[in-house]
Amino acid sequence: MLAVIDNQYQIDLSKPIDISIPLTNTEENPIAWYIEKPVIEPVVFGDWIGKVSEGKSSTNFNNIFFNPHGHGTHTECLGHITNDFYSINQSLKQFFFFSRLVTVAPEKIGEDFVITKEQISNALNITGSSHSQAIIIRTLPNQEDKKSKKYSNTNPPYLSEEAAVFIRESEIQHLLIDLPSVDREHDEGKLLAHKAFWNVKDTHNLNSDARFEATITEMIFVPNEIKDGDYLLNLQIASFENDASPSKPVLYAIETFDI
């Protein structure tokens, strides 16, 4: 199935590139923020078990216990860091965006590996056009173990405050990254990159120019064979009235043509 946008871009909708990590109840599930793996188990009422293979139910009927921030690909709004409640379901009202995929190798700064403003600036200047509404950051090394990594107490790479400001000032609304957080794991609650990207100056008294419609998606995985450049992003979430939701970002290659 082909879609044409603005009589200029052709999208083959039959070739999606899923960059989400599935949620499972196995040891293969990635974990961050010091929690245990997700729980997926059948409902039990007395001797009735909601599992067809157990022979007492005509349906599979599972409860699922998980944390969107710690158990896989998720999309969050500024309500993640504010005193007042804001929901991702109310913040994200559009779902298709022109996006830019860039690859960076975080720089060693002291004991940390940091994605710098210069790296983001260079990557955006090198790849493609300037109409991006979203940036997708793939970090190096990019190994398959990202899909099952246990991040707690490992001090993963993160985004510098200056890089987050640059992304915001580039008028990019949606930031996607293959790390558990855009901020340092142990940062004394400063959350510098989150605040810079959402333009939040005071989490208890929100400024009027804070970016209510902007989102951050963390713990994605972009296979190495997917080339840097411009894509159409379909950012799918579940309709949770919560600061974050598990999400399924999907990319589509963009072809330009003349009509």
Protein backbone atom coordinates (compact mmCIF):
# COMPACT_ATOMS: atom_id res chain seq x y z
CA MET A 1 0.00 0.00 0.00
CA LEU A 2 1.43 3.37 -1.04
CA ALA A 3 0.67 6.75 0.51
CA VAL A 4 1.47 10.11 -1.05
CA ILE A 5 2.09 13.16 1.15
CA ASP A 6 1.96 16.74 -0.16
CA ASN A 7 2.33 15.45 -3.74
CA GLN A 8 6.01 15.09 -2.93
CA TYR A 9 6.68 12.12 -0.69
CA GLN A 10 5.82 8.48 -1.32
CA ILE A 11 5.51 6.06 1.63
CA ASP A 12 5.24 2.29 1.27
CA LEU A 13 2.99 1.39 4.22
CA SER A 14 3.55 -2.33 3.62
CA LYS A 15 7.15 -2.01 4.85
CA PRO A 16 7.04 -0.88 8.51
CA ILE A 17 10.22 -0.72 10.59
CA ASP A 18 9.25 -1.46 14.19
CA ILE A 19 11.78 0.09 16.62
CA SER A 20 10.00 -0.92 19.82
CA ILE A 21 11.10 -3.63 22.26
CA PRO A 22 8.34 -6.14 23.11
CA LEU A 23 7.32 -6.62 26.73
CA THR A 24 7.60 -10.18 28.03
CA ASN A 25 7.60 -11.96 31.38
CA THR A 26 10.93 -13.68 30.69
CA GLU A 27 14.53 -12.89 31.58
CA GLU A 28 14.88 -11.49 28.05
CA ASN A 29 12.88 -8.39 28.99
CA PRO A 30 15.04 -5.27 29.50
CA ILE A 31 14.88 -3.73 32.97
CA ALA A 32 15.80 -0.33 34.38
CA TRP A 33 15.25 1.52 37.65
CA TYR A 34 15.82 -1.34 40.11
CA ILE A 35 12.58 -3.25 39.57
CA GLU A 36 11.88 -6.89 38.76
CA LYS A 37 10.76 -8.28 35.41
CA PRO A 38 7.12 -7.87 34.28
CA VAL A 39 4.49 -10.33 35.47
CA ILE A 40 2.04 -11.85 32.99
CA GLU A 41 -0.14 -14.52 34.57
CA PRO A 42 -3.67 -15.92 34.27
CA VAL A 43 -6.46 -14.77 36.54
CA VAL A 44 -7.36 -17.35 39.18
CA PHE A 45 -10.79 -17.66 40.84
CA GLY A 46 -10.75 -20.61 43.21
CA ASP A 47 -10.02 -23.65 41.05
CA TRP A 48 -10.71 -21.73 37.81
CA ILE A 49 -7.62 -20.60 35.90
CA GLY A 50 -7.82 -18.23 32.95
CA LYS A 51 -5.61 -20.33 30.72
CA VAL A 52 -6.92 -22.60 27.97
CA SER A 53 -4.04 -25.06 28.31
CA GLU A 54 -5.01 -25.68 31.94
CA GLY A 55 -8.30 -27.17 30.71
CA LYS A 56 -10.63 -25.05 32.86
CA SER A 57 -11.14 -22.00 30.66
CA SER A 58 -12.30 -21.34 27.11
CA THR A 59 -10.14 -18.21 26.96
CA ASN A 60 -6.72 -16.97 27.96
CA PHE A 61 -7.36 -14.23 30.53
CA ASN A 62 -4.15 -12.69 31.87
CA ASN A 63 -3.28 -9.98 34.33
CA ILE A 64 -0.21 -7.94 33.41
CA PHE A 65 1.91 -6.04 35.94
CA PHE A 66 4.59 -3.79 34.50
CA ASN A 67 6.17 -0.36 34.77
CA PRO A 68 6.26 1.64 31.51
CA HIS A 69 9.45 3.48 32.46
CA GLY A 70 11.41 0.43 33.51
CA HIS A 71 10.22 -2.43 31.33
CA GLY A 72 10.69 -1.41 27.72
CA THR A 73 9.83 1.09 25.02
CA HIS A 74 7.69 3.89 26.41
CA THR A 75 6.62 7.42 25.57
CA GLU A 76 6.30 10.09 28.25
CA CYS A 77 5.04 13.65 28.48
CA LEU A 78 6.16 16.48 30.75
CA GLY A 79 3.82 15.07 33.41
CA HIS A 80 6.67 12.68 34.16
CA ILE A 81 8.45 15.44 36.10
CA THR A 82 5.74 17.90 37.16
CA ASN A 83 3.92 18.38 40.43
CA ASP A 84 0.58 18.67 38.63
CA PHE A 85 -0.82 15.73 36.68
CA TYR A 86 -0.47 15.67 32.89
CA SER A 87 -1.31 12.63 30.81
CA ILE A 88 0.48 11.28 27.76
CA ASN A 89 -2.94 10.36 26.39
CA GLN A 90 -3.96 14.04 26.49
CA SER A 91 -0.58 15.39 25.36
CA LEU A 92 -0.04 13.26 22.26
CA LYS A 93 -2.90 13.92 19.83
CA GLN A 94 -1.10 13.43 16.50
CA PHE A 95 0.75 10.26 15.60
CA PHE A 96 2.58 10.73 12.29
CA PHE A 97 5.72 12.87 12.08
CA PHE A 98 8.61 13.52 9.74
CA SER A 99 11.62 12.24 11.65
CA ARG A 100 15.39 12.04 11.44
CA LEU A 101 17.36 8.96 12.47
CA VAL A 102 20.91 9.76 13.61
CA THR A 103 23.66 7.59 15.04
CA VAL A 104 26.14 8.86 17.63
CA ALA A 105 28.89 7.39 19.80
CA PRO A 106 28.59 9.03 23.24
CA GLU A 107 31.78 10.81 24.34
CA LYS A 108 33.71 9.82 27.46
CA ILE A 109 33.51 12.72 29.91
CA GLY A 110 34.90 11.86 33.32
CA GLU A 111 33.25 8.61 34.39
CA ASP A 112 30.29 9.06 32.03
CA PHE A 113 29.47 8.62 28.36
CA VAL A 114 27.55 11.67 27.16
CA ILE A 115 25.76 12.66 23.94
CA THR A 116 26.86 16.24 23.30
CA LYS A 117 25.30 19.21 21.55
CA GLU A 118 28.06 19.12 18.93
CA GLN A 119 27.31 15.48 18.10
CA ILE A 120 23.60 16.15 17.65
CA SER A 121 24.24 19.31 15.64
CA ASN A 122 26.68 17.53 13.34
CA ALA A 123 24.37 14.55 12.88
CA LEU A 124 21.38 16.71 11.99
CA ASN A 125 23.45 18.77 9.54
CA ILE A 126 24.82 15.70 7.80
CA THR A 127 21.62 13.74 7.30
CA GLY A 128 18.77 14.85 5.12
CA SER A 129 16.41 17.79 5.16
CA SER A 130 15.39 20.25 7.86
CA HIS A 131 11.66 19.52 8.29
CA SER A 132 12.03 16.99 11.08
CA GLN A 133 9.42 16.98 13.82
CA ALA A 134 11.13 14.10 15.62
CA ILE A 135 14.68 12.93 16.21
CA ILE A 136 15.58 9.27 16.72
CA ILE A 137 18.95 8.75 18.40
CA ARG A 138 20.75 5.42 17.96
CA THR A 139 23.84 5.09 20.14
CA LEU A 140 27.02 3.12 19.52
CA PRO A 141 27.88 0.42 20.21
CA ASN A 142 24.51 -0.83 18.97
CA GLN A 143 24.33 -4.45 20.08
CA GLU A 144 21.40 -6.85 20.26
CA ASP A 145 21.72 -7.01 24.05
CA LYS A 146 19.99 -3.63 24.27
CA LYS A 147 16.77 -5.59 23.84
CA SER A 148 17.35 -7.52 27.07
CA LYS A 149 19.83 -5.36 29.00
CA LYS A 150 19.61 -4.93 32.77
CA TYR A 151 20.39 -1.22 33.17
CA SER A 152 20.07 -0.73 36.92
CA ASN A 153 23.24 0.67 38.52
CA THR A 154 25.20 0.60 35.23
CA ASN A 155 25.42 4.38 34.64
CA PRO A 156 24.23 4.24 31.00
CA PRO A 157 25.07 7.02 28.52
CA TYR A 158 22.79 10.05 28.54
CA LEU A 159 22.03 13.34 26.81
CA SER A 160 23.75 16.54 27.91
CA GLU A 161 21.59 19.49 28.93
CA GLU A 162 23.08 21.52 26.08
CA ALA A 163 22.13 18.83 23.56
CA ALA A 164 18.56 18.78 24.87
CA VAL A 165 18.36 22.58 24.59
CA PHE A 166 19.65 22.38 21.01
CA ILE A 167 17.01 19.78 20.10
CA ARG A 168 14.30 21.96 21.63
CA GLU A 169 15.55 25.08 19.84
CA SER A 170 15.57 23.10 16.59
CA GLU A 171 11.77 22.91 17.05
CA ILE A 172 11.84 19.13 17.30
CA GLN A 173 8.77 18.00 19.24
CA HIS A 174 9.51 14.32 19.73
CA LEU A 175 12.74 12.81 21.02
CA LEU A 176 13.36 9.06 20.76
CA ILE A 177 16.44 7.33 22.16
CA ASP A 178 17.69 3.77 22.71
CA LEU A 179 18.65 4.36 26.35
CA PRO A 180 16.60 4.02 29.57
CA SER A 181 16.70 7.78 30.14
CA VAL A 182 17.85 11.00 28.53
CA ASP A 183 19.34 11.86 31.92
CA ARG A 184 22.10 10.42 34.09
CA GLU A 185 20.99 7.43 36.18
CA HIS A 186 22.12 9.00 39.48
CA ASP A 187 21.75 12.77 39.04
CA GLU A 188 20.35 13.86 42.44
CA GLY A 189 16.95 14.45 40.83
CA LYS A 190 18.19 17.29 38.59
CA LEU A 191 16.71 15.83 35.38
CA LEU A 192 18.52 18.47 33.35
CA ALA A 193 17.85 17.00 29.90
CA HIS A 194 14.18 16.29 30.60
CA LYS A 195 13.65 19.84 31.85
CA ALA A 196 15.61 21.39 28.98
CA PHE A 197 13.72 19.47 26.29
CA TRP A 198 10.28 20.21 27.76
CA ASN A 199 11.33 23.77 28.69
CA VAL A 200 10.26 23.19 32.29
CA LYS A 201 11.81 25.75 34.62
CA ASP A 202 9.95 24.88 37.83
CA THR A 203 8.29 21.49 38.22
CA HIS A 204 5.95 22.82 40.95
CA ASN A 205 4.91 26.03 39.18
CA LEU A 206 4.85 25.26 35.48
CA ASN A 207 5.78 28.06 33.09
CA SER A 208 3.31 28.90 30.31
CA ASP A 209 5.85 28.22 27.56
CA ALA A 210 6.54 24.66 28.71
CA ARG A 211 6.19 22.19 25.84
CA PHE A 212 2.98 20.34 26.66
CA GLU A 213 2.79 18.51 23.32
CA ALA A 214 6.41 17.37 23.22
CA THR A 215 7.26 13.76 24.08
CA ILE A 216 10.27 11.65 24.99
CA THR A 217 10.42 7.99 24.00
CA GLU A 218 13.05 5.82 25.66
CA MET A 219 14.34 2.24 25.33
CA ILE A 220 13.84 1.83 21.60
CA PHE A 221 16.04 -0.40 19.43
CA VAL A 222 17.05 0.48 15.87
CA PRO A 223 18.79 -2.40 14.02
CA ASN A 224 22.15 -1.61 12.45
CA GLU A 225 20.89 -2.26 8.93
CA ILE A 226 18.50 0.71 9.15
CA LYS A 227 20.33 3.66 7.62
CA ASP A 228 20.47 7.16 9.08
CA GLY A 229 18.22 9.64 7.35
CA ASP A 230 14.63 10.81 7.04
CA TYR A 231 11.62 8.61 7.85
CA LEU A 232 7.93 8.94 8.52
CA LEU A 233 7.37 8.08 12.18
CA ASN A 234 4.13 6.56 13.46
CA LEU A 235 4.27 6.99 17.24
CA GLN A 236 1.71 4.63 18.74
CA ILE A 237 0.74 4.58 22.43
CA ALA A 238 -1.85 2.81 24.53
CA SER A 239 -4.57 5.13 25.87
CA PHE A 240 -3.29 5.36 29.43
CA GLU A 241 -4.21 8.40 31.51
CA ASN A 242 -0.70 8.38 32.96
CA ASP A 243 2.51 10.35 32.53
CA ALA A 244 3.81 7.56 30.27
CA SER A 245 2.56 4.67 28.18
CA PRO A 246 4.20 1.64 26.60
CA SER A 247 4.62 2.57 22.97
CA LYS A 248 5.30 1.21 19.51
CA PRO A 249 7.22 3.66 17.31
CA VAL A 250 7.23 2.52 13.69
CA LEU A 251 9.29 4.02 10.86
CA TYR A 252 8.54 4.15 7.14
CA ALA A 253 11.08 4.96 4.45
CA ILE A 254 10.40 8.16 2.53
CA GLU A 255 10.83 8.46 -1.23
CA THR A 256 10.64 11.84 -2.95
CA PHE A 257 9.29 12.19 -6.47
CA ASP A 258 7.86 14.73 -8.85
CA ILE A 259 4.24 14.57 -10.03
